[in-house]
Protein backbone atom coordinates (compact mmCIF):
# COMPACT_ATOMS: atom_id res chain seq x y z
CA MET A 1 -79.08 46.64 4.97
CA LYS A 2 -76.60 47.20 2.31
CA PHE A 3 -73.50 45.12 2.92
CA ARG A 4 -70.35 46.41 1.19
CA ARG A 5 -68.50 44.31 -1.10
CA GLN A 6 -65.08 43.78 -0.38
CA ARG A 7 -62.53 43.89 -2.57
CA THR A 8 -60.42 40.66 -2.88
CA ASP A 9 -56.95 41.33 -4.02
CA ASP A 10 -55.01 38.70 -6.03
CA VAL A 11 -53.11 36.60 -3.71
CA THR A 12 -49.80 36.41 -5.52
CA VAL A 13 -46.48 34.98 -4.48
CA ASN A 14 -43.63 37.25 -4.87
CA LEU A 15 -40.81 35.03 -6.48
CA THR A 16 -37.64 37.56 -6.01
CA PRO A 17 -36.44 36.96 -2.31
CA LEU A 18 -36.86 32.70 -3.53
CA ILE A 19 -34.88 33.19 -6.27
CA ASP A 20 -32.57 35.19 -4.61
CA VAL A 21 -31.90 32.41 -1.91
CA VAL A 22 -31.96 29.82 -4.72
CA PHE A 23 -28.57 31.44 -5.95
CA LEU A 24 -27.10 32.19 -3.00
CA LEU A 25 -27.29 28.64 -2.14
CA LEU A 26 -25.87 28.07 -5.68
CA ILE A 27 -22.69 29.99 -5.24
CA PHE A 28 -22.30 28.40 -1.16
CA PHE A 29 -22.34 24.89 -3.03
CA MET A 30 -20.27 26.40 -5.78
CA VAL A 31 -17.61 27.76 -3.32
CA SER A 32 -17.78 25.46 -0.93
CA THR A 33 -17.27 21.79 -2.64
CA THR A 34 -13.79 20.41 -3.31
CA PHE A 35 -12.88 19.24 -6.55
CA THR A 36 -10.28 16.36 -6.54
CA ARG A 37 -7.85 15.84 -9.31
CA GLU A 38 -6.98 12.88 -9.95
CA THR A 39 -2.94 12.50 -10.36
CA GLN A 40 -0.61 9.49 -11.18
CA LEU A 41 1.97 8.22 -8.62
CA SER A 42 5.49 8.53 -10.39
CA VAL A 43 7.85 6.64 -8.29
CA ASP A 44 11.50 6.42 -9.10
CA LEU A 45 12.96 3.31 -7.41
CA PRO A 46 16.70 3.36 -6.07
CA GLU A 47 19.75 1.42 -7.53
CA ALA A 48 21.65 -0.40 -4.77
CA LYS A 49 25.10 0.40 -5.07
CA GLY A 50 27.79 -1.50 -2.56
CA GLN A 51 29.88 -4.29 -1.86
CA VAL A 52 28.43 -7.94 -2.47
CA LYS A 53 28.00 -9.43 0.94
CA GLU A 54 29.87 -13.03 1.46
CA ALA A 55 27.33 -15.71 2.88
CA GLN A 56 27.36 -17.05 5.82
CA GLN A 57 26.97 -20.53 6.83
CA GLU A 58 24.13 -19.94 9.08
CA GLU A 59 21.27 -18.01 7.38
CA ILE A 60 17.80 -18.16 6.65
CA GLU A 61 16.86 -17.61 2.85
CA ILE A 62 13.44 -16.76 1.89
CA LEU A 63 12.98 -17.01 -2.08
CA ILE A 64 9.66 -15.37 -3.10
CA ASP A 65 9.08 -16.47 -6.74
CA GLU A 66 6.83 -13.95 -9.22
CA ALA A 67 3.48 -16.30 -8.42
CA GLY A 68 4.08 -15.56 -4.45
CA ARG A 69 5.19 -19.28 -4.15
CA PHE A 70 7.51 -19.20 -0.79
CA ARG A 71 10.98 -21.40 -0.18
CA VAL A 72 12.97 -21.70 2.78
CA ASN A 73 16.45 -22.52 2.08
CA GLY A 74 15.17 -24.08 -0.69
CA GLN A 75 12.75 -26.51 0.60
CA GLY A 76 8.78 -25.34 -0.74
CA LEU A 77 6.08 -24.87 1.55
CA VAL A 78 2.88 -26.78 1.53
CA ASP A 79 0.82 -23.52 1.02
CA ASP A 80 1.65 -19.44 1.35
CA ARG A 81 -0.17 -18.86 5.08
CA MET A 82 2.16 -17.05 7.36
CA ARG A 83 2.04 -19.41 9.80
CA THR A 84 3.39 -22.34 7.84
CA LEU A 85 6.24 -19.88 6.72
CA GLN A 86 6.71 -19.25 10.25
CA ALA A 87 6.92 -22.63 10.79
CA ALA A 88 9.53 -23.44 8.31
CA ILE A 89 11.99 -20.70 9.46
CA TYR A 90 11.58 -22.10 13.14
CA LYS A 91 12.80 -24.92 11.94
CA ILE A 92 15.69 -24.08 10.65
CA SER A 93 16.75 -21.29 13.00
CA ALA A 94 15.70 -23.85 15.86
CA GLY A 95 14.78 -20.48 17.75
CA ASP A 96 17.99 -18.53 17.05
CA THR A 97 16.59 -15.26 16.12
CA THR A 98 19.89 -13.48 15.88
CA MET A 99 20.22 -15.83 12.61
CA PRO A 100 20.66 -13.11 9.20
CA LEU A 101 17.20 -13.38 7.45
CA ILE A 102 17.71 -12.98 3.46
CA ILE A 103 14.46 -11.96 1.54
CA THR A 104 15.22 -12.48 -2.41
CA ALA A 105 12.10 -11.75 -4.23
CA ASP A 106 11.15 -11.51 -8.00
CA ALA A 107 10.94 -8.73 -9.71
CA GLN A 108 7.32 -9.32 -10.68
CA ALA A 109 6.50 -10.83 -7.09
CA ALA A 110 3.58 -8.94 -5.47
CA HIS A 111 4.49 -6.47 -2.90
CA GLU A 112 2.24 -8.26 -0.43
CA ASP A 113 4.40 -10.94 -0.65
CA VAL A 114 7.34 -9.99 0.30
CA VAL A 115 5.77 -7.68 3.28
CA ARG A 116 4.06 -11.08 4.33
CA ALA A 117 7.71 -12.43 4.53
CA MET A 118 8.92 -9.42 6.34
CA ASP A 119 6.03 -9.33 8.94
CA ALA A 120 6.44 -13.49 10.12
CA ALA A 121 10.12 -12.44 10.07
CA GLY A 122 9.33 -9.64 12.50
CA GLN A 123 6.50 -11.51 14.55
CA MET A 124 9.45 -14.22 15.25
CA GLY A 125 11.65 -11.64 16.54
CA PHE A 126 14.46 -11.34 14.11
CA VAL A 127 16.45 -8.26 13.74
CA HIS A 128 19.27 -8.85 11.01
CA LEU A 129 16.63 -8.58 7.61
CA SER A 130 18.57 -8.26 4.47
CA ILE A 131 16.62 -7.63 1.08
CA THR A 132 18.50 -9.03 -2.05
CA THR A 133 19.16 -6.63 -5.13
CA ARG A 134 20.90 -6.50 -8.56
CA GLN A 135 23.43 -4.12 -9.61
CA PRO A 136 22.15 -1.72 -12.19
CA ALA A 137 23.20 -2.76 -15.49
CA GLY A 138 25.92 0.25 -16.24
CA ASP A 139 27.32 -0.56 -13.09
CA ALA A 140 28.44 -4.04 -13.35
CA ASN A 141 32.25 -3.13 -13.58
CA GLY A 142 32.09 -0.56 -11.21
CA GLY A 143 31.61 2.12 -13.87
């Protein structure tokens, strides 16, 4: 018996569909990727114009220096924790939350320290809160 030899075809993989899929994926990722633009925030701080408020006899003044240390009505605190600040405020106010509270911060003081003082006063229930500012250099004489 004679068997006929079967022809074996060369086994090859057609790469054309594979290349098409890779290009489609590449295009998809290029289109769907968001490109972030790094920008800088430009802040113009407001100038404060107005009448100078006369000092009242009963008020609480929190002073914040550039290092972040607090003074309440001129008295330094033993540490910079919020509880210590609240205890000093309570000692002066004797629980009267209707007293005006003034925050005076150094221009180089961290924003975090000012917010901490505001938060301490807000948690205690103070609603008459003022932040001191200075007149712009050109407006010292009203013009």
